[in-house]
Amino acid sequence: MAFFTYLLASAPYGTLYCGHTDSLERRIAQHREKSFCGFTAKYGVHRLVWYEVHDTRAGAFHHERRLKKWNRRWKIRLIEEMNPRWEDLYEGFFREEGPLSQLGSPPSRG
């Protein structure tokens, strides 16, 4: 089973949100549908702009906690290394021809 740490944005260079999950598709859908009345619903943060795969839930959680302490400039640099055009990666996440296939494989961390 894979676990994910991810960054969402309201727009390119907009409001950022960091999270972790064991089902990226389900979790991003929840953000997009505003299933929870929290930060992402309030600020319209639903574009998947960066993610990383982990082998363990603890690894994904630990990386999320580290990223939350980073300053904004570092997070933007991280996003732009993987996704320089700030594409919404969710749109093509499960299609071979989608943006993820053009970006190459994301880094995997333990």
N, C-alpha and C. Protein backbone atom coordinates (compact mmCIF):
# COMPACT_ATOMS: atom_id res chain seq x y z
N MET A 1 0.84 -1.18 0.00
CA MET A 1 0.00 0.00 0.00
C MET A 1 0.89 1.24 0.00
N ALA A 2 0.49 2.25 -0.76
CA ALA A 2 1.24 3.51 -0.83
C ALA A 2 0.57 4.56 0.05
N PHE A 3 1.38 5.46 0.54
CA PHE A 3 0.92 6.60 1.34
C PHE A 3 1.49 7.86 0.69
N PHE A 4 0.80 8.96 0.85
CA PHE A 4 1.16 10.18 0.13
C PHE A 4 1.24 11.38 1.06
N THR A 5 2.21 12.24 0.81
CA THR A 5 2.23 13.59 1.35
C THR A 5 1.93 14.48 0.15
N TYR A 6 1.11 15.52 0.34
CA TYR A 6 0.71 16.32 -0.82
C TYR A 6 0.59 17.80 -0.46
N LEU A 7 0.68 18.62 -1.50
CA LEU A 7 0.44 20.06 -1.38
C LEU A 7 -0.68 20.45 -2.32
N LEU A 8 -1.61 21.23 -1.81
CA LEU A 8 -2.69 21.80 -2.61
C LEU A 8 -2.48 23.30 -2.69
N ALA A 9 -3.03 23.91 -3.74
CA ALA A 9 -2.99 25.36 -3.89
C ALA A 9 -4.35 25.85 -4.36
N SER A 10 -4.67 27.08 -4.01
CA SER A 10 -5.93 27.67 -4.48
C SER A 10 -5.78 28.11 -5.94
N ALA A 11 -4.57 28.47 -6.34
CA ALA A 11 -4.22 28.92 -7.69
C ALA A 11 -2.69 28.95 -7.73
N PRO A 12 -2.08 29.15 -8.90
CA PRO A 12 -0.63 29.29 -8.92
C PRO A 12 -0.20 30.42 -7.97
N TYR A 13 0.72 30.10 -7.09
CA TYR A 13 1.24 31.04 -6.08
C TYR A 13 0.18 31.50 -5.08
N GLY A 14 -0.92 30.74 -5.00
CA GLY A 14 -2.00 31.09 -4.07
C GLY A 14 -1.79 30.48 -2.71
N THR A 15 -2.89 30.32 -1.99
CA THR A 15 -2.88 29.73 -0.66
C THR A 15 -2.48 28.27 -0.76
N LEU A 16 -1.61 27.80 0.14
CA LEU A 16 -1.11 26.43 0.12
C LEU A 16 -1.63 25.65 1.32
N TYR A 17 -1.78 24.34 1.12
CA TYR A 17 -2.20 23.43 2.19
C TYR A 17 -1.39 22.15 2.05
N CYS A 18 -0.96 21.59 3.16
CA CYS A 18 -0.18 20.35 3.18
C CYS A 18 -0.95 19.28 3.93
N GLY A 19 -0.96 18.06 3.40
CA GLY A 19 -1.62 16.95 4.07
C GLY A 19 -0.97 15.62 3.75
N HIS A 20 -1.51 14.55 4.33
CA HIS A 20 -1.06 13.20 4.00
C HIS A 20 -2.28 12.28 3.98
N THR A 21 -2.17 11.18 3.23
CA THR A 21 -3.30 10.27 3.07
C THR A 21 -2.82 8.92 2.56
N ASP A 22 -3.70 7.92 2.64
CA ASP A 22 -3.41 6.63 2.02
C ASP A 22 -4.18 6.46 0.72
N SER A 23 -5.05 7.41 0.39
CA SER A 23 -5.77 7.39 -0.88
C SER A 23 -5.82 8.80 -1.45
N LEU A 24 -4.87 9.12 -2.29
CA LEU A 24 -4.77 10.47 -2.83
C LEU A 24 -6.02 10.83 -3.65
N GLU A 25 -6.49 9.91 -4.45
CA GLU A 25 -7.68 10.18 -5.27
C GLU A 25 -8.88 10.55 -4.38
N ARG A 26 -9.15 9.73 -3.37
CA ARG A 26 -10.30 9.98 -2.49
C ARG A 26 -10.13 11.29 -1.72
N ARG A 27 -8.94 11.50 -1.18
CA ARG A 27 -8.74 12.68 -0.34
C ARG A 27 -8.84 13.98 -1.14
N ILE A 28 -8.28 14.02 -2.33
CA ILE A 28 -8.36 15.23 -3.14
C ILE A 28 -9.81 15.46 -3.58
N ALA A 29 -10.52 14.39 -3.89
CA ALA A 29 -11.95 14.52 -4.22
C ALA A 29 -12.70 15.14 -3.05
N GLN A 30 -12.38 14.75 -1.82
CA GLN A 30 -13.03 15.33 -0.65
C GLN A 30 -12.73 16.83 -0.55
N HIS A 31 -11.48 17.21 -0.81
CA HIS A 31 -11.14 18.63 -0.80
C HIS A 31 -11.93 19.38 -1.86
N ARG A 32 -12.01 18.81 -3.06
CA ARG A 32 -12.69 19.48 -4.17
C ARG A 32 -14.19 19.61 -3.92
N GLU A 33 -14.76 18.60 -3.26
CA GLU A 33 -16.20 18.62 -2.97
C GLU A 33 -16.52 19.41 -1.70
N LYS A 34 -15.49 19.90 -1.01
CA LYS A 34 -15.64 20.64 0.25
C LYS A 34 -16.42 19.81 1.28
N SER A 35 -16.05 18.53 1.37
CA SER A 35 -16.71 17.60 2.28
C SER A 35 -16.51 17.98 3.74
N PHE A 36 -15.43 18.68 4.03
CA PHE A 36 -15.13 19.09 5.40
C PHE A 36 -15.13 20.61 5.47
N CYS A 37 -15.74 21.16 6.48
CA CYS A 37 -15.81 22.62 6.64
C CYS A 37 -14.55 23.10 7.35
N GLY A 38 -13.46 23.08 6.65
CA GLY A 38 -12.19 23.48 7.25
C GLY A 38 -11.45 24.48 6.38
N PHE A 39 -10.15 24.52 6.56
CA PHE A 39 -9.28 25.47 5.89
C PHE A 39 -9.42 25.42 4.37
N THR A 40 -9.35 24.22 3.79
CA THR A 40 -9.36 24.13 2.33
C THR A 40 -10.70 24.56 1.74
N ALA A 41 -11.80 24.25 2.42
CA ALA A 41 -13.12 24.69 1.94
C ALA A 41 -13.25 26.21 2.05
N LYS A 42 -12.80 26.75 3.16
CA LYS A 42 -12.91 28.19 3.40
C LYS A 42 -12.12 29.01 2.38
N TYR A 43 -10.92 28.54 2.03
CA TYR A 43 -10.03 29.31 1.15
C TYR A 43 -9.97 28.79 -0.28
N GLY A 44 -10.80 27.82 -0.64
CA GLY A 44 -10.84 27.32 -2.01
C GLY A 44 -9.56 26.64 -2.46
N VAL A 45 -8.95 25.90 -1.55
CA VAL A 45 -7.68 25.23 -1.84
C VAL A 45 -7.99 23.80 -2.27
N HIS A 46 -7.89 23.51 -3.57
CA HIS A 46 -8.26 22.19 -4.07
C HIS A 46 -7.42 21.70 -5.23
N ARG A 47 -6.44 22.47 -5.69
CA ARG A 47 -5.60 22.05 -6.81
C ARG A 47 -4.41 21.24 -6.30
N LEU A 48 -4.30 19.98 -6.71
CA LEU A 48 -3.15 19.15 -6.34
C LEU A 48 -1.95 19.63 -7.17
N VAL A 49 -0.95 20.21 -6.50
CA VAL A 49 0.20 20.75 -7.24
C VAL A 49 1.50 19.99 -6.96
N TRP A 50 1.51 19.16 -5.93
CA TRP A 50 2.72 18.38 -5.60
C TRP A 50 2.31 17.21 -4.73
N TYR A 51 3.01 16.09 -4.90
CA TYR A 51 2.80 14.95 -4.01
C TYR A 51 4.06 14.10 -3.98
N GLU A 52 4.14 13.26 -2.97
CA GLU A 52 5.27 12.35 -2.83
C GLU A 52 4.74 11.03 -2.27
N VAL A 53 5.28 9.94 -2.76
CA VAL A 53 4.85 8.60 -2.35
C VAL A 53 5.76 8.11 -1.22
N HIS A 54 5.14 7.46 -0.23
CA HIS A 54 5.88 6.89 0.90
C HIS A 54 5.49 5.43 1.08
N ASP A 55 6.39 4.67 1.64
CA ASP A 55 6.12 3.25 1.89
C ASP A 55 5.29 3.02 3.14
N THR A 56 5.33 3.98 4.07
CA THR A 56 4.63 3.80 5.34
C THR A 56 3.78 5.03 5.66
N ARG A 57 2.74 4.81 6.45
CA ARG A 57 1.91 5.92 6.93
C ARG A 57 2.75 6.88 7.78
N ALA A 58 3.61 6.31 8.61
CA ALA A 58 4.46 7.13 9.47
C ALA A 58 5.38 8.02 8.64
N GLY A 59 5.92 7.49 7.55
CA GLY A 59 6.78 8.28 6.67
C GLY A 59 6.04 9.45 6.06
N ALA A 60 4.82 9.23 5.60
CA ALA A 60 4.01 10.30 5.01
C ALA A 60 3.64 11.34 6.06
N PHE A 61 3.27 10.89 7.24
CA PHE A 61 2.91 11.79 8.33
C PHE A 61 4.11 12.65 8.74
N HIS A 62 5.26 12.00 8.90
CA HIS A 62 6.47 12.71 9.31
C HIS A 62 6.85 13.78 8.28
N HIS A 63 6.76 13.42 7.00
CA HIS A 63 7.12 14.39 5.96
C HIS A 63 6.12 15.55 5.93
N GLU A 64 4.83 15.27 6.15
CA GLU A 64 3.84 16.34 6.23
C GLU A 64 4.20 17.31 7.35
N ARG A 65 4.53 16.79 8.52
CA ARG A 65 4.87 17.64 9.66
C ARG A 65 6.11 18.48 9.37
N ARG A 66 7.08 17.90 8.68
CA ARG A 66 8.27 18.67 8.31
C ARG A 66 7.93 19.80 7.35
N LEU A 67 7.11 19.49 6.31
CA LEU A 67 6.74 20.50 5.32
C LEU A 67 5.95 21.65 5.94
N LYS A 68 5.13 21.35 6.93
CA LYS A 68 4.33 22.40 7.57
C LYS A 68 5.21 23.43 8.26
N LYS A 69 6.43 23.06 8.60
CA LYS A 69 7.37 23.98 9.24
C LYS A 69 8.18 24.79 8.22
N TRP A 70 8.16 24.38 6.96
CA TRP A 70 8.93 25.08 5.93
C TRP A 70 8.32 26.45 5.67
N ASN A 71 9.17 27.37 5.22
CA ASN A 71 8.61 28.66 4.82
C ASN A 71 8.02 28.54 3.42
N ARG A 72 7.23 29.51 3.06
CA ARG A 72 6.50 29.50 1.79
C ARG A 72 7.42 29.38 0.59
N ARG A 73 8.53 30.09 0.60
CA ARG A 73 9.47 30.08 -0.53
C ARG A 73 9.98 28.67 -0.79
N TRP A 74 10.29 27.92 0.26
CA TRP A 74 10.77 26.54 0.10
C TRP A 74 9.69 25.65 -0.50
N LYS A 75 8.45 25.83 -0.05
CA LYS A 75 7.35 25.03 -0.59
C LYS A 75 7.14 25.33 -2.07
N ILE A 76 7.22 26.59 -2.44
CA ILE A 76 7.06 26.97 -3.85
C ILE A 76 8.17 26.35 -4.69
N ARG A 77 9.39 26.37 -4.19
CA ARG A 77 10.51 25.75 -4.92
C ARG A 77 10.27 24.25 -5.09
N LEU A 78 9.79 23.59 -4.05
CA LEU A 78 9.49 22.16 -4.11
C LEU A 78 8.43 21.88 -5.18
N ILE A 79 7.36 22.66 -5.19
CA ILE A 79 6.30 22.50 -6.19
C ILE A 79 6.87 22.68 -7.58
N GLU A 80 7.63 23.74 -7.79
CA GLU A 80 8.11 24.06 -9.13
C GLU A 80 9.17 23.08 -9.65
N GLU A 81 9.84 22.37 -8.76
CA GLU A 81 10.76 21.32 -9.21
C GLU A 81 10.00 20.18 -9.88
N MET A 82 8.82 19.87 -9.38
CA MET A 82 8.01 18.77 -9.92
C MET A 82 7.00 19.28 -10.95
N ASN A 83 6.48 20.46 -10.74
CA ASN A 83 5.33 20.94 -11.49
C ASN A 83 5.49 22.45 -11.79
N PRO A 84 6.41 22.80 -12.69
CA PRO A 84 6.72 24.21 -12.92
C PRO A 84 5.55 25.06 -13.41
N ARG A 85 4.56 24.45 -14.03
CA ARG A 85 3.40 25.21 -14.54
C ARG A 85 2.22 25.21 -13.56
N TRP A 86 2.42 24.64 -12.39
CA TRP A 86 1.38 24.59 -11.36
C TRP A 86 0.10 23.94 -11.89
N GLU A 87 0.25 22.90 -12.72
CA GLU A 87 -0.90 22.16 -13.25
C GLU A 87 -1.65 21.51 -12.09
N ASP A 88 -2.95 21.31 -12.27
CA ASP A 88 -3.73 20.55 -11.30
C ASP A 88 -3.50 19.08 -11.62
N LEU A 89 -2.64 18.43 -10.86
CA LEU A 89 -2.24 17.05 -11.13
C LEU A 89 -3.38 16.06 -10.94
N TYR A 90 -4.38 16.42 -10.19
CA TYR A 90 -5.52 15.53 -9.97
C TYR A 90 -6.23 15.20 -11.27
N GLU A 91 -6.31 16.18 -12.16
CA GLU A 91 -7.02 15.99 -13.43
C GLU A 91 -6.48 14.80 -14.22
N GLY A 92 -5.19 14.57 -14.18
CA GLY A 92 -4.60 13.48 -14.95
C GLY A 92 -4.00 12.38 -14.11
N PHE A 93 -4.32 12.37 -12.84
CA PHE A 93 -3.67 11.44 -11.92
C PHE A 93 -3.82 9.98 -12.32
N PHE A 94 -4.98 9.60 -12.83
CA PHE A 94 -5.21 8.20 -13.15
C PHE A 94 -5.30 7.91 -14.64
N ARG A 95 -4.80 8.84 -15.46
CA ARG A 95 -4.77 8.62 -16.91
C ARG A 95 -3.33 8.59 -17.36
N GLU A 96 -2.99 7.66 -18.22
CA GLU A 96 -1.62 7.56 -18.73
C GLU A 96 -1.19 8.82 -19.47
N GLU A 97 -2.12 9.45 -20.18
CA GLU A 97 -1.76 10.63 -20.96
C GLU A 97 -1.79 11.92 -20.15
N GLY A 98 -2.11 11.82 -18.86
CA GLY A 98 -2.25 13.01 -18.02
C GLY A 98 -0.93 13.65 -17.65
N PRO A 99 -1.00 14.75 -16.92
CA PRO A 99 0.19 15.52 -16.55
C PRO A 99 1.25 14.72 -15.82
N LEU A 100 0.84 13.72 -15.03
CA LEU A 100 1.84 12.98 -14.27
C LEU A 100 2.76 12.18 -15.17
N SER A 101 2.24 11.68 -16.27
CA SER A 101 3.10 10.92 -17.18
C SER A 101 4.13 11.83 -17.83
N GLN A 102 3.79 13.10 -18.00
CA GLN A 102 4.72 14.05 -18.59
C GLN A 102 5.76 14.52 -17.59
N LEU A 103 5.42 14.51 -16.32
CA LEU A 103 6.35 14.97 -15.29
C LEU A 103 7.33 13.89 -14.89
N GLY A 104 7.03 12.64 -15.19
CA GLY A 104 7.86 11.54 -14.72
C GLY A 104 7.39 11.08 -13.36
N SER A 105 8.01 10.11 -12.82
CA SER A 105 7.60 9.56 -11.54
C SER A 105 8.00 10.49 -10.41
N PRO A 106 7.11 10.65 -9.43
CA PRO A 106 7.47 11.46 -8.27
C PRO A 106 8.46 10.71 -7.41
N PRO A 107 9.20 11.41 -6.58
CA PRO A 107 10.14 10.72 -5.70
C PRO A 107 9.39 9.84 -4.70
N SER A 108 9.99 8.74 -4.36
CA SER A 108 9.41 7.84 -3.36
C SER A 108 10.29 7.88 -2.14
N ARG A 109 9.65 7.98 -0.99
CA ARG A 109 10.40 8.05 0.27
C ARG A 109 9.89 6.99 1.22
N GLY A 110 10.76 6.49 2.05
CA GLY A 110 10.38 5.48 3.03
C GLY A 110 9.87 6.04 4.30
